[in-house]
Amino acid sequence: MDKALKRNEILRHQVELNRIKQNGRRIVGSVLYLCYNPAVRPSRRVAFLLSRGIKNAVKRNRLKRHLREIYRTHKNWFPRGYDYLIHATPSAAGLKFRQLLKHTEDLTRKLSNDYQSD
């Protein structure tokens, strides 16, 4: 399986993000939220949204890099055919990589339960 994060896997347009926010389902964790909506394409796409409460740019960028890396290496946690919006709260900025990985794993476990119940 190719683990690279390709350009066409990243949601970039505000219209697409708004569609996910308004029409998508939401799974809430303690430091992360996951919104997802059926995709137009059969692939999976993702966007990362960080709270404006994370004032320090270094922390904000590190958190975004960590989230991208977690998604890139664990794409199989996210079912195909959906667009995902991963939203991090300000409290996520203080977490180590392994803690963030654990929170993401917990969210995707809830996602798989939600996905199977449909």
PDB file of N, CA and C in Angstrom:
ATOM      1  N   MET A   1       0.845  -1.178   0.000  1.00  0.00           N
ATOM      2  CA  MET A   1       0.000   0.000   0.000  1.00  0.00           C
ATOM      3  C   MET A   1       0.887   1.237   0.000  1.00  0.00           C
ATOM      4  N   ASP A   2       0.553   2.194  -0.847  1.00  0.00           N
ATOM      5  CA  ASP A   2       1.308   3.434  -0.937  1.00  0.00           C
ATOM      6  C   ASP A   2       0.910   4.344   0.220  1.00  0.00           C
ATOM      7  N   LYS A   3       1.891   4.741   1.019  1.00  0.00           N
ATOM      8  CA  LYS A   3       1.590   5.544   2.193  1.00  0.00           C
ATOM      9  C   LYS A   3       1.801   7.031   1.989  1.00  0.00           C
ATOM     10  N   ALA A   4       2.180   7.439   0.799  1.00  0.00           N
ATOM     11  CA  ALA A   4       2.402   8.865   0.559  1.00  0.00           C
ATOM     12  C   ALA A   4       1.077   9.620   0.617  1.00  0.00           C
ATOM     13  N   LEU A   5       1.141  10.855   1.069  1.00  0.00           N
ATOM     14  CA  LEU A   5      -0.039  11.715   1.089  1.00  0.00           C
ATOM     15  C   LEU A   5       0.003  12.572  -0.173  1.00  0.00           C
ATOM     16  N   LYS A   6      -0.872  12.241  -1.105  1.00  0.00           N
ATOM     17  CA  LYS A   6      -0.863  12.905  -2.404  1.00  0.00           C
ATOM     18  C   LYS A   6      -1.708  14.179  -2.368  1.00  0.00           C
ATOM     19  N   ARG A   7      -1.439  15.057  -3.306  1.00  0.00           N
ATOM     20  CA  ARG A   7      -2.158  16.330  -3.369  1.00  0.00           C
ATOM     21  C   ARG A   7      -3.664  16.139  -3.545  1.00  0.00           C
ATOM     22  N   ASN A   8      -4.048  15.133  -4.327  1.00  0.00           N
ATOM     23  CA  ASN A   8      -5.480  14.934  -4.577  1.00  0.00           C
ATOM     24  C   ASN A   8      -6.201  14.301  -3.389  1.00  0.00           C
ATOM     25  N   GLU A   9      -5.476  13.962  -2.332  1.00  0.00           N
ATOM     26  CA  GLU A   9      -6.095  13.423  -1.124  1.00  0.00           C
ATOM     27  C   GLU A   9      -6.412  14.510  -0.102  1.00  0.00           C
ATOM     28  N   ILE A  10      -6.001  15.745  -0.390  1.00  0.00           N
ATOM     29  CA  ILE A  10      -6.186  16.829   0.559  1.00  0.00           C
ATOM     30  C   ILE A  10      -7.312  17.735   0.079  1.00  0.00           C
ATOM     31  N   LEU A  11      -8.267  17.989   0.954  1.00  0.00           N
ATOM     32  CA  LEU A  11      -9.355  18.914   0.649  1.00  0.00           C
ATOM     33  C   LEU A  11      -8.832  20.334   0.809  1.00  0.00           C
ATOM     34  N   ARG A  12      -9.032  21.153  -0.195  1.00  0.00           N
ATOM     35  CA  ARG A  12      -8.470  22.503  -0.152  1.00  0.00           C
ATOM     36  C   ARG A  12      -9.516  23.612  -0.294  1.00  0.00           C
ATOM     37  N   HIS A  13     -10.641  23.326  -0.868  1.00  0.00           N
ATOM     38  CA  HIS A  13     -11.616  24.367  -1.181  1.00  0.00           C
ATOM     39  C   HIS A  13     -12.602  24.571  -0.037  1.00  0.00           C
ATOM     40  N   GLN A  14     -12.878  25.821   0.250  1.00  0.00           N
ATOM     41  CA  GLN A  14     -13.774  26.178   1.345  1.00  0.00           C
ATOM     42  C   GLN A  14     -15.171  25.590   1.136  1.00  0.00           C
ATOM     43  N   VAL A  15     -15.613  25.507  -0.098  1.00  0.00           N
ATOM     44  CA  VAL A  15     -16.937  24.946  -0.397  1.00  0.00           C
ATOM     45  C   VAL A  15     -17.015  23.496   0.081  1.00  0.00           C
ATOM     46  N   GLU A  16     -15.961  22.729  -0.170  1.00  0.00           N
ATOM     47  CA  GLU A  16     -15.937  21.325   0.256  1.00  0.00           C
ATOM     48  C   GLU A  16     -15.916  21.217   1.777  1.00  0.00           C
ATOM     49  N   LEU A  17     -15.132  22.065   2.427  1.00  0.00           N
ATOM     50  CA  LEU A  17     -15.054  22.039   3.888  1.00  0.00           C
ATOM     51  C   LEU A  17     -16.398  22.414   4.505  1.00  0.00           C
ATOM     52  N   ASN A  18     -17.055  23.420   3.944  1.00  0.00           N
ATOM     53  CA  ASN A  18     -18.374  23.823   4.450  1.00  0.00           C
ATOM     54  C   ASN A  18     -19.396  22.711   4.272  1.00  0.00           C
ATOM     55  N   ARG A  19     -19.301  21.985   3.161  1.00  0.00           N
ATOM     56  CA  ARG A  19     -20.232  20.869   2.921  1.00  0.00           C
ATOM     57  C   ARG A  19     -20.075  19.805   3.999  1.00  0.00           C
ATOM     58  N   ILE A  20     -18.834  19.513   4.363  1.00  0.00           N
ATOM     59  CA  ILE A  20     -18.587  18.509   5.399  1.00  0.00           C
ATOM     60  C   ILE A  20     -19.091  19.010   6.747  1.00  0.00           C
ATOM     61  N   LYS A  21     -18.815  20.270   7.068  1.00  0.00           N
ATOM     62  CA  LYS A  21     -19.248  20.835   8.353  1.00  0.00           C
ATOM     63  C   LYS A  21     -20.764  20.848   8.476  1.00  0.00           C
ATOM     64  N   GLN A  22     -21.456  21.217   7.395  1.00  0.00           N
ATOM     65  CA  GLN A  22     -22.903  21.371   7.453  1.00  0.00           C
ATOM     66  C   GLN A  22     -23.652  20.051   7.309  1.00  0.00           C
ATOM     67  N   ASN A  23     -23.199  19.185   6.417  1.00  0.00           N
ATOM     68  CA  ASN A  23     -23.946  17.968   6.108  1.00  0.00           C
ATOM     69  C   ASN A  23     -23.359  16.709   6.715  1.00  0.00           C
ATOM     70  N   GLY A  24     -22.135  16.793   7.192  1.00  0.00           N
ATOM     71  CA  GLY A  24     -21.444  15.593   7.649  1.00  0.00           C
ATOM     72  C   GLY A  24     -21.825  15.159   9.048  1.00  0.00           C
ATOM     73  N   ARG A  25     -21.400  13.972   9.371  1.00  0.00           N
ATOM     74  CA  ARG A  25     -21.579  13.437  10.721  1.00  0.00           C
ATOM     75  C   ARG A  25     -20.349  13.790  11.529  1.00  0.00           C
ATOM     76  N   ARG A  26     -20.511  13.924  12.829  1.00  0.00           N
ATOM     77  CA  ARG A  26     -19.420  14.366  13.687  1.00  0.00           C
ATOM     78  C   ARG A  26     -19.179  13.354  14.796  1.00  0.00           C
ATOM     79  N   ILE A  27     -17.907  13.095  15.022  1.00  0.00           N
ATOM     80  CA  ILE A  27     -17.486  12.260  16.140  1.00  0.00           C
ATOM     81  C   ILE A  27     -16.600  13.136  17.013  1.00  0.00           C
ATOM     82  N   VAL A  28     -16.950  13.227  18.283  1.00  0.00           N
ATOM     83  CA  VAL A  28     -16.267  14.140  19.188  1.00  0.00           C
ATOM     84  C   VAL A  28     -15.382  13.361  20.142  1.00  0.00           C
ATOM     85  N   GLY A  29     -14.139  13.783  20.234  1.00  0.00           N
ATOM     86  CA  GLY A  29     -13.200  13.251  21.207  1.00  0.00           C
ATOM     87  C   GLY A  29     -12.821  14.353  22.183  1.00  0.00           C
ATOM     88  N   SER A  30     -11.904  14.063  23.082  1.00  0.00           N
ATOM     89  CA  SER A  30     -11.536  15.062  24.081  1.00  0.00           C
ATOM     90  C   SER A  30     -10.698  16.196  23.493  1.00  0.00           C
ATOM     91  N   VAL A  31      -9.846  15.920  22.521  1.00  0.00           N
ATOM     92  CA  VAL A  31      -9.000  16.966  21.929  1.00  0.00           C
ATOM     93  C   VAL A  31      -9.141  17.056  20.413  1.00  0.00           C
ATOM     94  N   LEU A  32      -9.842  16.106  19.807  1.00  0.00           N
ATOM     95  CA  LEU A  32     -10.030  16.103  18.354  1.00  0.00           C
ATOM     96  C   LEU A  32     -11.504  15.893  18.024  1.00  0.00           C
ATOM     97  N   TYR A  33     -11.934  16.505  16.927  1.00  0.00           N
ATOM     98  CA  TYR A  33     -13.249  16.246  16.351  1.00  0.00           C
ATOM     99  C   TYR A  33     -13.015  15.679  14.966  1.00  0.00           C
ATOM    100  N   LEU A  34     -13.877  14.777  14.565  1.00  0.00           N
ATOM    101  CA  LEU A  34     -13.786  14.214  13.226  1.00  0.00           C
ATOM    102  C   LEU A  34     -15.142  14.373  12.561  1.00  0.00           C
ATOM    103  N   CYS A  35     -15.186  15.124  11.480  1.00  0.00           N
ATOM    104  CA  CYS A  35     -16.399  15.252  10.676  1.00  0.00           C
ATOM    105  C   CYS A  35     -16.171  14.474   9.391  1.00  0.00           C
ATOM    106  N   TYR A  36     -17.198  13.787   8.937  1.00  0.00           N
ATOM    107  CA  TYR A  36     -17.060  13.045   7.686  1.00  0.00           C
ATOM    108  C   TYR A  36     -18.369  13.050   6.929  1.00  0.00           C
ATOM    109  N   ASN A  37     -18.239  12.941   5.631  1.00  0.00           N
ATOM    110  CA  ASN A  37     -19.379  13.000   4.739  1.00  0.00           C
ATOM    111  C   ASN A  37     -19.075  12.120   3.531  1.00  0.00           C
ATOM    112  N   PRO A  38     -20.083  11.454   2.944  1.00  0.00           N
ATOM    113  CA  PRO A  38     -19.812  10.671   1.739  1.00  0.00           C
ATOM    114  C   PRO A  38     -19.169  11.538   0.664  1.00  0.00           C
ATOM    115  N   ALA A  39     -18.162  10.986   0.027  1.00  0.00           N
ATOM    116  CA  ALA A  39     -17.391  11.730  -0.973  1.00  0.00           C
ATOM    117  C   ALA A  39     -18.030  11.626  -2.343  1.00  0.00           C
ATOM    118  N   VAL A  40     -17.694  12.583  -3.180  1.00  0.00           N
ATOM    119  CA  VAL A  40     -18.136  12.562  -4.575  1.00  0.00           C
ATOM    120  C   VAL A  40     -17.375  11.480  -5.326  1.00  0.00           C
ATOM    121  N   ARG A  41     -16.120  11.297  -4.952  1.00  0.00           N
ATOM    122  CA  ARG A  41     -15.248  10.294  -5.577  1.00  0.00           C
ATOM    123  C   ARG A  41     -15.156   9.063  -4.681  1.00  0.00           C
ATOM    124  N   PRO A  42     -14.742   7.928  -5.233  1.00  0.00           N
ATOM    125  CA  PRO A  42     -14.644   6.713  -4.413  1.00  0.00           C
ATOM    126  C   PRO A  42     -13.424   6.691  -3.485  1.00  0.00           C
ATOM    127  N   SER A  43     -12.557   7.681  -3.578  1.00  0.00           N
ATOM    128  CA  SER A  43     -11.358   7.706  -2.734  1.00  0.00           C
ATOM    129  C   SER A  43     -11.676   8.373  -1.398  1.00  0.00           C
ATOM    130  N   ARG A  44     -10.658   8.549  -0.576  1.00  0.00           N
ATOM    131  CA  ARG A  44     -10.819   9.285   0.674  1.00  0.00           C
ATOM    132  C   ARG A  44      -9.981  10.550   0.600  1.00  0.00           C
ATOM    133  N   ARG A  45     -10.534  11.637   1.127  1.00  0.00           N
ATOM    134  CA  ARG A  45      -9.799  12.896   1.165  1.00  0.00           C
ATOM    135  C   ARG A  45      -9.905  13.470   2.572  1.00  0.00           C
ATOM    136  N   VAL A  46      -8.947  14.322   2.921  1.00  0.00           N
ATOM    137  CA  VAL A  46      -8.873  14.818   4.291  1.00  0.00           C
ATOM    138  C   VAL A  46      -8.472  16.290   4.313  1.00  0.00           C
ATOM    139  N   ALA A  47      -8.915  16.973   5.359  1.00  0.00           N
ATOM    140  CA  ALA A  47      -8.464  18.336   5.646  1.00  0.00           C
ATOM    141  C   ALA A  47      -8.199  18.409   7.144  1.00  0.00           C
ATOM    142  N   PHE A  48      -7.250  19.231   7.514  1.00  0.00           N
ATOM    143  CA  PHE A  48      -6.890  19.403   8.916  1.00  0.00           C
ATOM    144  C   PHE A  48      -7.217  20.835   9.311  1.00  0.00           C
ATOM    145  N   LEU A  49      -7.966  20.981  10.376  1.00  0.00           N
ATOM    146  CA  LEU A  49      -8.396  22.290  10.832  1.00  0.00           C
ATOM    147  C   LEU A  49      -7.922  22.466  12.262  1.00  0.00           C
ATOM    148  N   LEU A  50      -7.222  23.561  12.515  1.00  0.00           N
ATOM    149  CA  LEU A  50      -6.715  23.826  13.855  1.00  0.00           C
ATOM    150  C   LEU A  50      -7.418  25.043  14.425  1.00  0.00           C
ATOM    151  N   SER A  51      -7.694  24.989  15.703  1.00  0.00           N
ATOM    152  CA  SER A  51      -8.378  26.075  16.373  1.00  0.00           C
ATOM    153  C   SER A  51      -7.518  27.336  16.385  1.00  0.00           C
ATOM    154  N   ARG A  52      -8.152  28.477  16.287  1.00  0.00           N
ATOM    155  CA  ARG A  52      -7.427  29.746  16.359  1.00  0.00           C
ATOM    156  C   ARG A  52      -6.899  30.006  17.762  1.00  0.00           C
ATOM    157  N   GLY A  53      -7.342  29.212  18.704  1.00  0.00           N
ATOM    158  CA  GLY A  53      -6.863  29.354  20.075  1.00  0.00           C
ATOM    159  C   GLY A  53      -5.412  28.944  20.242  1.00  0.00           C
ATOM    160  N   ILE A  54      -4.861  28.256  19.252  1.00  0.00           N
ATOM    161  CA  ILE A  54      -3.446  27.875  19.294  1.00  0.00           C
ATOM    162  C   ILE A  54      -2.670  29.064  18.729  1.00  0.00           C
ATOM    163  N   LYS A  55      -2.247  29.948  19.614  1.00  0.00           N
ATOM    164  CA  LYS A  55      -1.639  31.217  19.199  1.00  0.00           C
ATOM    165  C   LYS A  55      -0.219  31.054  18.670  1.00  0.00           C
ATOM    166  N   ASN A  56       0.540  30.150  19.248  1.00  0.00           N
ATOM    167  CA  ASN A  56       1.939  29.978  18.877  1.00  0.00           C
ATOM    168  C   ASN A  56       2.028  29.234  17.539  1.00  0.00           C
ATOM    169  N   ALA A  57       2.586  29.882  16.531  1.00  0.00           N
ATOM    170  CA  ALA A  57       2.652  29.295  15.184  1.00  0.00           C
ATOM    171  C   ALA A  57       3.486  28.022  15.154  1.00  0.00           C
ATOM    172  N   VAL A  58       4.536  27.964  15.964  1.00  0.00           N
ATOM    173  CA  VAL A  58       5.384  26.771  15.995  1.00  0.00           C
ATOM    174  C   VAL A  58       4.570  25.572  16.478  1.00  0.00           C
ATOM    175  N   LYS A  59       3.799  25.754  17.549  1.00  0.00           N
ATOM    176  CA  LYS A  59       2.962  24.664  18.072  1.00  0.00           C
ATOM    177  C   LYS A  59       1.876  24.278  17.073  1.00  0.00           C
ATOM    178  N   ARG A  60       1.285  25.283  16.449  1.00  0.00           N
ATOM    179  CA  ARG A  60       0.222  25.031  15.471  1.00  0.00           C
ATOM    180  C   ARG A  60       0.753  24.231  14.286  1.00  0.00           C
ATOM    181  N   ASN A  61       1.907  24.614  13.769  1.00  0.00           N
ATOM    182  CA  ASN A  61       2.492  23.907  12.625  1.00  0.00           C
ATOM    183  C   ASN A  61       2.951  22.509  12.999  1.00  0.00           C
ATOM    184  N   ARG A  62       3.510  22.351  14.200  1.00  0.00           N
ATOM    185  CA  ARG A  62       3.932  21.021  14.659  1.00  0.00           C
ATOM    186  C   ARG A  62       2.723  20.097  14.771  1.00  0.00           C
ATOM    187  N   LEU A  63       1.643  20.615  15.349  1.00  0.00           N
ATOM    188  CA  LEU A  63       0.427  19.818  15.487  1.00  0.00           C
ATOM    189  C   LEU A  63      -0.104  19.399  14.115  1.00  0.00           C
ATOM    190  N   LYS A  64      -0.094  20.298  13.178  1.00  0.00           N
ATOM    191  CA  LYS A  64      -0.574  19.976  11.831  1.00  0.00           C
ATOM    192  C   LYS A  64       0.311  18.918  11.175  1.00  0.00           C
ATOM    193  N   ARG A  65       1.621  19.037  11.344  1.00  0.00           N
ATOM    194  CA  ARG A  65       2.539  18.022  10.799  1.00  0.00           C
ATOM    195  C   ARG A  65       2.278  16.667  11.436  1.00  0.00           C
ATOM    196  N   HIS A  66       2.067  16.655  12.755  1.00  0.00           N
ATOM    197  CA  HIS A  66       1.792  15.391  13.442  1.00  0.00           C
ATOM    198  C   HIS A  66       0.494  14.762  12.934  1.00  0.00           C
ATOM    199  N   LEU A  67      -0.547  15.561  12.769  1.00  0.00           N
ATOM    200  CA  LEU A  67      -1.823  15.028  12.279  1.00  0.00           C
ATOM    201  C   LEU A  67      -1.690  14.491  10.855  1.00  0.00           C
ATOM    202  N   ARG A  68      -0.963  15.207  10.013  1.00  0.00           N
ATOM    203  CA  ARG A  68      -0.739  14.716   8.643  1.00  0.00           C
ATOM    204  C   ARG A  68       0.022  13.400   8.651  1.00  0.00           C
ATOM    205  N   GLU A  69       1.027  13.304   9.512  1.00  0.00           N
ATOM    206  CA  GLU A  69       1.824  12.074   9.589  1.00  0.00           C
ATOM    207  C   GLU A  69       0.980  10.907  10.098  1.00  0.00           C
ATOM    208  N   ILE A  70       0.153  11.153  11.088  1.00  0.00           N
ATOM    209  CA  ILE A  70      -0.724  10.096  11.605  1.00  0.00           C
ATOM    210  C   ILE A  70      -1.667   9.625  10.505  1.00  0.00           C
ATOM    211  N   TYR A  71      -2.271  10.560   9.795  1.00  0.00           N
ATOM    212  CA  TYR A  71      -3.170  10.179   8.708  1.00  0.00           C
ATOM    213  C   TYR A  71      -2.416   9.424   7.617  1.00  0.00           C
ATOM    214  N   ARG A  72      -1.258   9.938   7.246  1.00  0.00           N
ATOM    215  CA  ARG A  72      -0.474   9.332   6.166  1.00  0.00           C
ATOM    216  C   ARG A  72      -0.105   7.891   6.482  1.00  0.00           C
ATOM    217  N   THR A  73       0.295   7.614   7.704  1.00  0.00           N
ATOM    218  CA  THR A  73       0.750   6.270   8.062  1.00  0.00           C
ATOM    219  C   THR A  73      -0.390   5.345   8.480  1.00  0.00           C
ATOM    220  N   HIS A  74      -1.568   5.897   8.739  1.00  0.00           N
ATOM    221  CA  HIS A  74      -2.696   5.070   9.186  1.00  0.00           C
ATOM    222  C   HIS A  74      -3.948   5.333   8.351  1.00  0.00           C
ATOM    223  N   LYS A  75      -3.782   5.476   7.050  1.00  0.00           N
ATOM    224  CA  LYS A  75      -4.923   5.711   6.156  1.00  0.00           C
ATOM    225  C   LYS A  75      -5.970   4.608   6.264  1.00  0.00           C
ATOM    226  N   ASN A  76      -5.502   3.414   6.558  1.00  0.00           N
ATOM    227  CA  ASN A  76      -6.433   2.283   6.624  1.00  0.00           C
ATOM    228  C   ASN A  76      -7.433   2.420   7.772  1.00  0.00           C
ATOM    229  N   TRP A  77      -7.216   3.325   8.703  1.00  0.00           N
ATOM    230  CA  TRP A  77      -8.183   3.577   9.778  1.00  0.00           C
ATOM    231  C   TRP A  77      -9.410   4.326   9.259  1.00  0.00           C
ATOM    232  N   PHE A  78      -9.283   4.950   8.101  1.00  0.00           N
ATOM    233  CA  PHE A  78     -10.340   5.786   7.541  1.00  0.00           C
ATOM    234  C   PHE A  78     -10.947   5.091   6.325  1.00  0.00           C
ATOM    235  N   PRO A  79     -12.227   4.697   6.399  1.00  0.00           N
ATOM    236  CA  PRO A  79     -12.852   4.010   5.262  1.00  0.00           C
ATOM    237  C   PRO A  79     -12.849   4.873   3.998  1.00  0.00           C
ATOM    238  N   ARG A  80     -12.722   4.206   2.855  1.00  0.00           N
ATOM    239  CA  ARG A  80     -12.758   4.900   1.561  1.00  0.00           C
ATOM    240  C   ARG A  80     -14.178   5.386   1.280  1.00  0.00           C
ATOM    241  N   GLY A  81     -14.266   6.342   0.368  1.00  0.00           N
ATOM    242  CA  GLY A  81     -15.572   6.842  -0.044  1.00  0.00           C
ATOM    243  C   GLY A  81     -16.096   7.983   0.810  1.00  0.00           C
ATOM    244  N   TYR A  82     -15.256   8.520   1.678  1.00  0.00           N
ATOM    245  CA  TYR A  82     -15.659   9.622   2.550  1.00  0.00           C
ATOM    246  C   TYR A  82     -14.620  10.733   2.505  1.00  0.00           C
ATOM    247  N   ASP A  83     -15.093  11.949   2.754  1.00  0.00           N
ATOM    248  CA  ASP A  83     -14.211  13.089   2.964  1.00  0.00           C
ATOM    249  C   ASP A  83     -14.172  13.343   4.463  1.00  0.00           C
ATOM    250  N   TYR A  84     -12.982  13.635   4.986  1.00  0.00           N
ATOM    251  CA  TYR A  84     -12.790  13.796   6.427  1.00  0.00           C
ATOM    252  C   TYR A  84     -12.257  15.176   6.757  1.00  0.00           C
ATOM    253  N   LEU A  85     -12.735  15.705   7.857  1.00  0.00           N
ATOM    254  CA  LEU A  85     -12.233  16.955   8.400  1.00  0.00           C
ATOM    255  C   LEU A  85     -11.801  16.666   9.833  1.00  0.00           C
ATOM    256  N   ILE A  86     -10.511  16.760  10.085  1.00  0.00           N
ATOM    257  CA  ILE A  86      -9.977  16.508  11.425  1.00  0.00           C
ATOM    258  C   ILE A  86      -9.705  17.859  12.063  1.00  0.00           C
ATOM    259  N   HIS A  87     -10.412  18.134  13.147  1.00  0.00           N
ATOM    260  CA  HIS A  87     -10.327  19.428  13.821  1.00  0.00           C
ATOM    261  C   HIS A  87      -9.674  19.245  15.185  1.00  0.00           C
ATOM    262  N   ALA A  88      -8.607  19.994  15.431  1.00  0.00           N
ATOM    263  CA  ALA A  88      -7.884  19.906  16.701  1.00  0.00           C
ATOM    264  C   ALA A  88      -8.223  21.108  17.577  1.00  0.00           C
ATOM    265  N   THR A  89      -8.468  20.865  18.857  1.00  0.00           N
ATOM    266  CA  THR A  89      -8.739  21.927  19.820  1.00  0.00           C
ATOM    267  C   THR A  89      -7.420  22.468  20.370  1.00  0.00           C
ATOM    268  N   PRO A  90      -7.443  23.604  21.057  1.00  0.00           N
ATOM    269  CA  PRO A  90      -6.200  24.150  21.621  1.00  0.00           C
ATOM    270  C   PRO A  90      -5.493  23.202  22.590  1.00  0.00           C
ATOM    271  N   SER A  91      -6.234  22.366  23.293  1.00  0.00           N
ATOM    272  CA  SER A  91      -5.597  21.438  24.237  1.00  0.00           C
ATOM    273  C   SER A  91      -4.777  20.363  23.528  1.00  0.00           C
ATOM    274  N   ALA A  92      -4.999  20.162  22.241  1.00  0.00           N
ATOM    275  CA  ALA A  92      -4.220  19.173  21.486  1.00  0.00           C
ATOM    276  C   ALA A  92      -2.795  19.650  21.242  1.00  0.00           C
ATOM    277  N   ALA A  93      -2.570  20.957  21.311  1.00  0.00           N
ATOM    278  CA  ALA A  93      -1.246  21.513  21.007  1.00  0.00           C
ATOM    279  C   ALA A  93      -0.186  21.055  22.002  1.00  0.00           C
ATOM    280  N   GLY A  94      -0.575  20.741  23.218  1.00  0.00           N
ATOM    281  CA  GLY A  94       0.397  20.333  24.225  1.00  0.00           C
ATOM    282  C   GLY A  94       0.689  18.844  24.253  1.00  0.00           C
ATOM    283  N   LEU A  95       0.059  18.074  23.383  1.00  0.00           N
ATOM    284  CA  LEU A  95       0.220  16.622  23.410  1.00  0.00           C
ATOM    285  C   LEU A  95       1.459  16.169  22.651  1.00  0.00           C
ATOM    286  N   LYS A  96       2.033  15.090  23.125  1.00  0.00           N
ATOM    287  CA  LYS A  96       3.134  14.435  22.418  1.00  0.00           C
ATOM    288  C   LYS A  96       2.541  13.639  21.254  1.00  0.00           C
ATOM    289  N   PHE A  97       3.401  13.230  20.326  1.00  0.00           N
ATOM    290  CA  PHE A  97       2.955  12.503  19.137  1.00  0.00           C
ATOM    291  C   PHE A  97       2.190  11.233  19.502  1.00  0.00           C
ATOM    292  N   ARG A  98       2.719  10.458  20.446  1.00  0.00           N
ATOM    293  CA  ARG A  98       2.057   9.191  20.814  1.00  0.00           C
ATOM    294  C   ARG A  98       0.680   9.423  21.428  1.00  0.00           C
ATOM    295  N   GLN A  99       0.547  10.491  22.204  1.00  0.00           N
ATOM    296  CA  GLN A  99      -0.755  10.809  22.787  1.00  0.00           C
ATOM    297  C   GLN A  99      -1.747  11.200  21.696  1.00  0.00           C
ATOM    298  N   LEU A 100      -1.278  11.975  20.749  1.00  0.00           N
ATOM    299  CA  LEU A 100      -2.122  12.380  19.629  1.00  0.00           C
ATOM    300  C   LEU A 100      -2.533  11.168  18.793  1.00  0.00           C
ATOM    301  N   LEU A 101      -1.603  10.255  18.605  1.00  0.00           N
ATOM    302  CA  LEU A 101      -1.888   9.013  17.889  1.00  0.00           C
ATOM    303  C   LEU A 101      -2.982   8.223  18.604  1.00  0.00           C
ATOM    304  N   LYS A 102      -2.900   8.152  19.924  1.00  0.00           N
ATOM    305  CA  LYS A 102      -3.895   7.420  20.717  1.00  0.00           C
ATOM    306  C   LYS A 102      -5.276   8.066  20.583  1.00  0.00           C
ATOM    307  N   HIS A 103      -5.330   9.397  20.651  1.00  0.00           N
ATOM    308  CA  HIS A 103      -6.611  10.095  20.498  1.00  0.00           C
ATOM    309  C   HIS A 103      -7.192   9.873  19.099  1.00  0.00           C
ATOM    310  N   THR A 104      -6.344   9.876  18.093  1.00  0.00           N
ATOM    311  CA  THR A 104      -6.804   9.634  16.724  1.00  0.00           C
ATOM    312  C   THR A 104      -7.312   8.205  16.578  1.00  0.00           C
ATOM    313  N   GLU A 105      -6.603   7.274  17.184  1.00  0.00           N
ATOM    314  CA  GLU A 105      -7.032   5.876  17.129  1.00  0.00           C
ATOM    315  C   GLU A 105      -8.393   5.702  17.796  1.00  0.00           C
ATOM    316  N   ASP A 106      -8.594   6.359  18.933  1.00  0.00           N
ATOM    317  CA  ASP A 106      -9.888   6.288  19.620  1.00  0.00           C
ATOM    318  C   ASP A 106     -11.010   6.847  18.743  1.00  0.00           C
ATOM    319  N   LEU A 107     -10.736   7.962  18.083  1.00  0.00           N
ATOM    320  CA  LEU A 107     -11.741   8.558  17.189  1.00  0.00           C
ATOM    321  C   LEU A 107     -12.082   7.634  16.031  1.00  0.00           C
ATOM    322  N   THR A 108     -11.062   7.042  15.432  1.00  0.00           N
ATOM    323  CA  THR A 108     -11.320   6.177  14.280  1.00  0.00           C
ATOM    324  C   THR A 108     -11.995   4.875  14.705  1.00  0.00           C
ATOM    325  N   ARG A 109     -11.779   4.458  15.923  1.00  0.00           N
ATOM    326  CA  ARG A 109     -12.499   3.292  16.434  1.00  0.00           C
ATOM    327  C   ARG A 109     -13.987   3.629  16.543  1.00  0.00           C
ATOM    328  N   LYS A 110     -14.294   4.823  17.044  1.00  0.00           N
ATOM    329  CA  LYS A 110     -15.688   5.273  17.091  1.00  0.00           C
ATOM    330  C   LYS A 110     -16.246   5.398  15.678  1.00  0.00           C
ATOM    331  N   LEU A 111     -15.400   5.872  14.764  1.00  0.00           N
ATOM    332  CA  LEU A 111     -15.802   6.009  13.363  1.00  0.00           C
ATOM    333  C   LEU A 111     -16.176   4.659  12.777  1.00  0.00           C
ATOM    334  N   SER A 112     -15.372   3.646  13.036  1.00  0.00           N
ATOM    335  CA  SER A 112     -15.671   2.332  12.465  1.00  0.00           C
ATOM    336  C   SER A 112     -16.953   1.764  13.066  1.00  0.00           C
ATOM    337  N   ASN A 113     -17.215   2.033  14.347  1.00  0.00           N
ATOM    338  CA  ASN A 113     -18.476   1.593  14.959  1.00  0.00           C
ATOM    339  C   ASN A 113     -19.654   2.331  14.333  1.00  0.00           C
ATOM    340  N   ASP A 114     -19.493   3.636  14.112  1.00  0.00           N
ATOM    341  CA  ASP A 114     -20.538   4.449  13.503  1.00  0.00           C
ATOM    342  C   ASP A 114     -20.770   4.028  12.057  1.00  0.00           C
ATOM    343  N   TYR A 115     -19.691   3.752  11.352  1.00  0.00           N
ATOM    344  CA  TYR A 115     -19.738   3.349   9.945  1.00  0.00           C
ATOM    345  C   TYR A 115     -20.457   2.011   9.794  1.00  0.00           C
ATOM    346  N   GLN A 116     -20.200   1.076  10.711  1.00  0.00           N
ATOM    347  CA  GLN A 116     -20.813  -0.247  10.632  1.00  0.00           C
ATOM    348  C   GLN A 116     -22.280  -0.225  11.031  1.00  0.00           C
ATOM    349  N   SER A 117     -22.685   0.775  11.835  1.00  0.00           N
ATOM    350  CA  SER A 117     -24.078   0.831  12.271  1.00  0.00           C
ATOM    351  C   SER A 117     -25.002   1.372  11.187  1.00  0.00           C
ATOM    352  N   ASP A 118     -24.425   1.990  10.134  1.00  0.00           N
ATOM    353  CA  ASP A 118     -25.254   2.522   9.028  1.00  0.00           C
ATOM    354  C   ASP A 118     -25.810   1.435   8.157  1.00  0.00           C
TER     355      ASP A 118
END
